[in-house]
Protein backbone atom coordinates (compact mmCIF):
# COMPACT_ATOMS: atom_id res chain seq x y z
CA UNK A 1 -37.52 14.84 11.20
CA UNK A 2 -34.64 13.12 12.56
CA UNK A 3 -33.50 11.91 9.33
CA UNK A 4 -33.25 15.79 7.54
CA UNK A 5 -31.67 17.20 10.88
CA UNK A 6 -28.96 14.02 10.53
CA UNK A 7 -28.47 14.82 6.85
CA UNK A 8 -27.92 18.66 7.55
CA UNK A 9 -25.03 17.52 10.27
CA UNK A 10 -23.46 15.31 8.09
CA UNK A 11 -23.56 17.93 4.95
CA UNK A 12 -22.25 20.69 7.46
CA UNK A 13 -19.41 17.89 9.11
CA UNK A 14 -18.39 17.22 5.11
CA UNK A 15 -17.88 20.82 4.20
CA UNK A 16 -16.03 21.81 7.21
CA UNK A 17 -13.65 18.79 7.77
CA UNK A 18 -13.10 18.42 3.57
CA UNK A 19 -12.14 22.24 3.46
CA UNK A 20 -9.41 21.96 6.48
CA UNK A 21 -8.00 18.46 5.08
CA UNK A 22 -8.14 20.44 1.43
CA UNK A 23 -6.07 23.23 2.93
CA UNK A 24 -3.69 21.03 4.86
CA UNK A 25 -2.93 18.96 1.89
CA UNK A 26 -2.65 22.12 -0.46
CA UNK A 27 -0.06 23.38 1.91
CA UNK A 28 1.97 20.36 2.32
CA UNK A 29 2.09 20.02 -1.46
CA UNK A 30 3.11 23.79 -1.97
CA UNK A 31 5.85 23.29 0.64
CA UNK A 32 7.01 20.06 -1.16
CA UNK A 33 6.85 21.60 -4.79
CA UNK A 34 9.36 24.02 -3.82
CA UNK A 35 12.10 21.31 -3.39
CA UNK A 36 10.58 19.35 -6.21
CA UNK A 37 10.94 21.97 -8.61
CA UNK A 38 15.17 21.46 -8.71
CA UNK A 39 14.22 18.47 -10.77
CA UNK A 40 12.85 19.22 -14.44
CA UNK A 41 9.65 17.22 -15.83
CA UNK A 42 8.72 17.63 -19.21
CA UNK A 43 6.07 16.01 -21.57
CA UNK A 44 8.64 16.24 -24.64
CA UNK A 45 9.12 12.52 -25.82
CA UNK A 46 12.32 13.02 -26.98
CA UNK A 47 15.66 12.98 -24.20
CA UNK A 48 18.55 15.45 -24.64
CA UNK A 49 20.47 14.49 -27.42
CA UNK A 50 24.00 15.21 -25.25
CA UNK A 51 25.25 13.11 -22.16
CA UNK A 52 25.36 9.67 -21.48
CA UNK A 53 22.42 8.57 -19.38
CA UNK A 54 20.52 5.25 -18.31
CA UNK A 55 16.81 5.46 -18.39
CA UNK A 56 14.46 4.47 -15.78
CA UNK A 57 10.83 4.51 -15.69
CA UNK A 58 9.38 6.57 -12.53
CA UNK A 59 5.55 6.78 -11.41
CA UNK A 60 3.60 8.09 -8.65
CA UNK A 61 0.14 7.62 -7.94
CA UNK A 62 -2.66 8.62 -5.27
CA UNK A 63 -5.90 8.22 -4.54
CA UNK A 64 -7.85 11.21 -3.41
CA UNK A 65 -11.14 10.77 -1.73
CA UNK A 66 -14.09 13.46 -1.86
CA UNK A 67 -15.83 14.64 0.87
CA UNK A 68 -19.53 14.35 1.31
CA UNK A 69 -20.52 18.06 1.03
CA UNK A 70 -18.48 17.99 -2.70
CA UNK A 71 -20.46 14.77 -3.89
CA UNK A 72 -23.87 16.59 -2.40
CA UNK A 73 -22.86 19.69 -4.78
CA UNK A 74 -21.45 17.80 -7.55
CA UNK A 75 -24.95 15.36 -7.62
CA UNK A 76 -27.18 18.81 -7.53
CA UNK A 77 -25.06 20.21 -10.67
CA UNK A 78 -25.38 17.19 -12.55
CA UNK A 79 -29.49 17.25 -12.22
CA UNK A 80 -29.12 20.57 -13.48
CA UNK A 81 -25.95 20.78 -15.49
CA UNK A 82 -23.01 22.92 -16.03
CA UNK A 83 -19.42 22.62 -15.22
CA UNK A 84 -18.98 20.47 -11.88
CA UNK A 85 -16.37 22.78 -9.97
CA UNK A 86 -16.30 21.24 -6.96
CA UNK A 87 -14.21 18.12 -8.16
CA UNK A 88 -11.43 20.64 -10.03
CA UNK A 89 -9.54 20.76 -6.76
CA UNK A 90 -10.08 17.51 -6.10
CA UNK A 91 -8.32 16.80 -9.77
CA UNK A 92 -5.62 19.53 -9.05
CA UNK A 93 -4.56 17.80 -5.80
CA UNK A 94 -4.35 14.55 -7.28
CA UNK A 95 -2.06 15.43 -9.99
CA UNK A 96 0.43 17.63 -8.38
CA UNK A 97 0.51 14.77 -5.63
CA UNK A 98 1.17 12.07 -8.27
CA UNK A 99 3.90 13.89 -9.79
CA UNK A 100 5.49 14.90 -6.61
CA UNK A 101 5.73 11.35 -5.80
CA UNK A 102 6.90 10.44 -9.31
CA UNK A 103 9.74 13.34 -8.80
CA UNK A 104 10.79 11.79 -5.42
CA UNK A 105 11.16 8.60 -7.11
CA UNK A 106 13.26 10.25 -9.76
CA UNK A 107 15.32 12.52 -7.08
CA UNK A 108 16.13 8.90 -5.11
CA UNK A 109 17.36 7.84 -8.46
CA UNK A 110 19.76 10.55 -8.77
CA UNK A 111 17.89 11.55 -12.07
CA UNK A 112 18.47 15.02 -13.49
CA UNK A 113 15.52 14.96 -15.75
CA UNK A 114 12.40 13.28 -16.15
CA UNK A 115 10.70 13.30 -19.63
CA UNK A 116 7.92 11.81 -21.73
CA UNK A 117 5.44 12.57 -18.65
CA UNK A 118 1.77 10.90 -18.69
CA UNK A 119 -0.94 11.78 -16.67
CA UNK A 120 -3.97 9.29 -16.06
CA UNK A 121 -7.07 9.46 -14.24
CA UNK A 122 -9.12 7.07 -13.13
CA UNK A 123 -12.71 7.63 -10.83
CA UNK A 124 -13.24 4.97 -8.41
CA UNK A 125 -17.02 5.07 -7.10
CA UNK A 126 -17.38 3.80 -3.59
CA UNK A 127 -21.15 4.32 -2.73
CA UNK A 128 -22.35 7.98 -2.58
CA UNK A 129 -18.96 9.37 -2.20
CA UNK A 130 -16.29 9.11 -4.73
CA UNK A 131 -12.53 9.33 -5.28
CA UNK A 132 -10.30 9.34 -7.79
CA UNK A 133 -6.79 7.96 -8.44
CA UNK A 134 -4.04 9.74 -10.53
CA UNK A 135 -0.93 8.04 -12.25
CA UNK A 136 2.15 10.06 -13.08
CA UNK A 137 4.56 8.47 -15.23
CA UNK A 138 7.74 9.28 -17.18
CA UNK A 139 11.19 8.50 -17.77
CA UNK A 140 13.91 9.24 -15.63
CA UNK A 141 17.20 10.30 -16.82
CA UNK A 142 20.16 8.98 -14.53
CA UNK A 143 23.71 10.65 -15.61
CA UNK A 144 26.38 7.97 -16.60
CA UNK A 145 28.92 8.82 -13.78
CA UNK A 146 26.14 8.75 -11.09
CA UNK A 147 25.23 5.32 -12.62
CA UNK A 148 28.92 3.91 -12.48
CA UNK A 149 29.38 5.21 -8.77
CA UNK A 150 26.12 3.59 -7.70
CA UNK A 151 27.30 0.68 -9.19
CA UNK A 152 30.74 0.36 -7.64
CA UNK A 153 28.91 1.03 -4.27
CA UNK A 154 26.55 -1.96 -4.82
CA UNK A 155 29.77 -4.16 -5.96
CA UNK A 156 31.30 -3.62 -2.72
């Protein structure tokens, strides 16, 4: 009987704390996206044909763990079949966070554009509760004039 009680306590804690953590993470992501949206990131394979740019690989990755409640719910869904909606918000958070980290790296290089953006996801299984890793990478275009100024600063 105690085991069943502990199970429901862990399930409730997983739900409550998981929801709080997810809401806080989404709030931070939305705030950061407001400033990061000034740097375009596109999936196009071809860079602009005008201008002189240095190209630099930029990447951002994140590992996001699932809470116990989502894992339990997803396990039930996998038994009966259907769409595993509990993990959709996990994937959304992971993708958005990885893109933000990639853009942060590009902005630190004073890039004007990130093109050929790709996303890769990996499932990390750690016992009953899983996690995902999301990697976003692309090619940052750094204008030639900014590149010259950065090289001059390093030469001094």
